[in-house]
Amino acid sequence: MMTVTVTDYVITTLHWDNEFIVAPRAINTVDKNHEALSVYLFVNQDVLTINRSQNLYRFAYHSQRVVTCHKVRDISVRVWNQK
């Protein structure tokens, strides 16, 4: 199972088996149908593309194999410095 965590911060993380891979902030663009896309380019050359208007998530392995993913849930986490 693969888990991608998109945060409100600068990085996105990919956890897959024993691998932990990061991507910088998403590149926001539009496709040929003028639909908004968020593209996450991971350092290992994997790519996550999100089309929020169609609720469509696609993951492309660096080997070019593309799979459709399913969003499981949103969670909100607040972190604070407890003294």
C-alpha atoms as a PDB file:
ATOM      1  CA  MET A   1       0.000   0.000   0.000  1.00  0.00           C
ATOM      2  CA  MET A   2       1.187   3.472  -0.860  1.00  0.00           C
ATOM      3  CA  THR A   3       0.376   6.585   1.184  1.00  0.00           C
ATOM      4  CA  VAL A   4       0.788  10.119  -0.152  1.00  0.00           C
ATOM      5  CA  THR A   5       0.530  12.965   2.339  1.00  0.00           C
ATOM      6  CA  VAL A   6      -0.101  16.445   0.973  1.00  0.00           C
ATOM      7  CA  THR A   7       0.424  19.110   3.619  1.00  0.00           C
ATOM      8  CA  ASP A   8      -0.128  22.846   3.854  1.00  0.00           C
ATOM      9  CA  TYR A   9       3.643  23.177   4.003  1.00  0.00           C
ATOM     10  CA  VAL A  10       6.317  23.010   1.318  1.00  0.00           C
ATOM     11  CA  ILE A  11       6.693  19.233   0.875  1.00  0.00           C
ATOM     12  CA  THR A  12       4.561  16.255  -0.011  1.00  0.00           C
ATOM     13  CA  THR A  13       5.598  12.808   1.164  1.00  0.00           C
ATOM     14  CA  LEU A  14       5.210   9.354  -0.358  1.00  0.00           C
ATOM     15  CA  HIS A  15       5.478   6.327   1.932  1.00  0.00           C
ATOM     16  CA  TRP A  16       5.627   2.998   0.155  1.00  0.00           C
ATOM     17  CA  ASP A  17       6.907  -0.196   1.779  1.00  0.00           C
ATOM     18  CA  ASN A  18      10.234   0.857   3.311  1.00  0.00           C
ATOM     19  CA  GLU A  19      10.629   3.903   1.043  1.00  0.00           C
ATOM     20  CA  PHE A  20      10.028   7.494   2.113  1.00  0.00           C
ATOM     21  CA  ILE A  21      10.127   9.915  -0.809  1.00  0.00           C
ATOM     22  CA  VAL A  22       9.477  13.660  -0.942  1.00  0.00           C
ATOM     23  CA  ALA A  23       8.228  16.125  -3.541  1.00  0.00           C
ATOM     24  CA  PRO A  24       8.269  19.914  -3.481  1.00  0.00           C
ATOM     25  CA  ARG A  25       5.121  21.985  -3.615  1.00  0.00           C
ATOM     26  CA  ALA A  26       2.683  21.080  -6.432  1.00  0.00           C
ATOM     27  CA  ILE A  27       2.896  22.611  -9.858  1.00  0.00           C
ATOM     28  CA  ASN A  28      -0.538  23.987 -10.705  1.00  0.00           C
ATOM     29  CA  THR A  29      -1.432  23.909 -14.382  1.00  0.00           C
ATOM     30  CA  VAL A  30      -4.317  23.144 -16.762  1.00  0.00           C
ATOM     31  CA  ASP A  31      -4.764  20.219 -19.133  1.00  0.00           C
ATOM     32  CA  LYS A  32      -5.844  20.336 -22.782  1.00  0.00           C
ATOM     33  CA  ASN A  33      -9.504  20.492 -21.651  1.00  0.00           C
ATOM     34  CA  HIS A  34      -8.701  23.538 -19.490  1.00  0.00           C
ATOM     35  CA  GLU A  35      -9.194  21.545 -16.270  1.00  0.00           C
ATOM     36  CA  ALA A  36      -7.046  22.571 -13.292  1.00  0.00           C
ATOM     37  CA  LEU A  37      -4.366  20.055 -12.324  1.00  0.00           C
ATOM     38  CA  SER A  38      -1.985  19.755  -9.384  1.00  0.00           C
ATOM     39  CA  VAL A  39       1.186  17.884 -10.332  1.00  0.00           C
ATOM     40  CA  TYR A  40       3.588  16.509  -7.707  1.00  0.00           C
ATOM     41  CA  LEU A  41       7.057  15.559  -8.989  1.00  0.00           C
ATOM     42  CA  PHE A  42       8.731  13.211  -6.513  1.00  0.00           C
ATOM     43  CA  VAL A  43      12.532  13.065  -6.302  1.00  0.00           C
ATOM     44  CA  ASN A  44      12.558   9.445  -7.545  1.00  0.00           C
ATOM     45  CA  GLN A  45      10.780  10.597 -10.761  1.00  0.00           C
ATOM     46  CA  ASP A  46       7.324   9.302  -9.788  1.00  0.00           C
ATOM     47  CA  VAL A  47       4.463  11.744 -10.515  1.00  0.00           C
ATOM     48  CA  LEU A  48       1.095  12.260  -8.833  1.00  0.00           C
ATOM     49  CA  THR A  49      -1.505  14.216 -10.828  1.00  0.00           C
ATOM     50  CA  ILE A  50      -4.709  15.432  -9.197  1.00  0.00           C
ATOM     51  CA  ASN A  51      -7.743  16.728 -11.099  1.00  0.00           C
ATOM     52  CA  ARG A  52      -9.938  17.951  -8.239  1.00  0.00           C
ATOM     53  CA  SER A  53     -12.920  18.903 -10.425  1.00  0.00           C
ATOM     54  CA  GLN A  54     -13.226  15.266 -11.558  1.00  0.00           C
ATOM     55  CA  ASN A  55     -11.944  13.817  -8.263  1.00  0.00           C
ATOM     56  CA  LEU A  56      -9.342  11.958 -10.327  1.00  0.00           C
ATOM     57  CA  TYR A  57      -5.974  10.894  -8.912  1.00  0.00           C
ATOM     58  CA  ARG A  58      -3.333   9.322 -11.151  1.00  0.00           C
ATOM     59  CA  PHE A  59       0.080   8.061 -10.151  1.00  0.00           C
ATOM     60  CA  ALA A  60       2.804   7.532 -12.763  1.00  0.00           C
ATOM     61  CA  TYR A  61       5.746   5.382 -11.786  1.00  0.00           C
ATOM     62  CA  HIS A  62       9.090   6.511 -13.160  1.00  0.00           C
ATOM     63  CA  SER A  63       8.807   3.456 -15.413  1.00  0.00           C
ATOM     64  CA  GLN A  64       5.842   5.278 -17.053  1.00  0.00           C
ATOM     65  CA  ARG A  65       3.216   2.824 -15.742  1.00  0.00           C
ATOM     66  CA  VAL A  66       0.144   4.897 -14.792  1.00  0.00           C
ATOM     67  CA  VAL A  67      -2.453   3.792 -12.250  1.00  0.00           C
ATOM     68  CA  THR A  68      -5.622   5.456 -11.008  1.00  0.00           C
ATOM     69  CA  CYS A  69      -5.615   6.009  -7.246  1.00  0.00           C
ATOM     70  CA  HIS A  70      -8.398   6.528  -4.751  1.00  0.00           C
ATOM     71  CA  LYS A  71      -8.470   9.169  -2.082  1.00  0.00           C
ATOM     72  CA  VAL A  72      -9.329   7.569   1.228  1.00  0.00           C
ATOM     73  CA  ARG A  73      -9.923  10.493   3.551  1.00  0.00           C
ATOM     74  CA  ASP A  74      -8.892  13.958   4.641  1.00  0.00           C
ATOM     75  CA  ILE A  75      -7.532  14.429   8.111  1.00  0.00           C
ATOM     76  CA  SER A  76      -6.658  17.590   9.917  1.00  0.00           C
ATOM     77  CA  VAL A  77      -3.767  17.585  12.344  1.00  0.00           C
ATOM     78  CA  ARG A  78      -2.689  20.485  14.499  1.00  0.00           C
ATOM     79  CA  VAL A  79       0.833  20.486  15.871  1.00  0.00           C
ATOM     80  CA  TRP A  80       1.904  22.748  18.679  1.00  0.00           C
ATOM     81  CA  ASN A  81       4.821  23.078  21.036  1.00  0.00           C
ATOM     82  CA  GLN A  82       3.724  21.746  24.400  1.00  0.00           C
ATOM     83  CA  LYS A  83       5.860  22.829  27.358  1.00  0.00           C
END
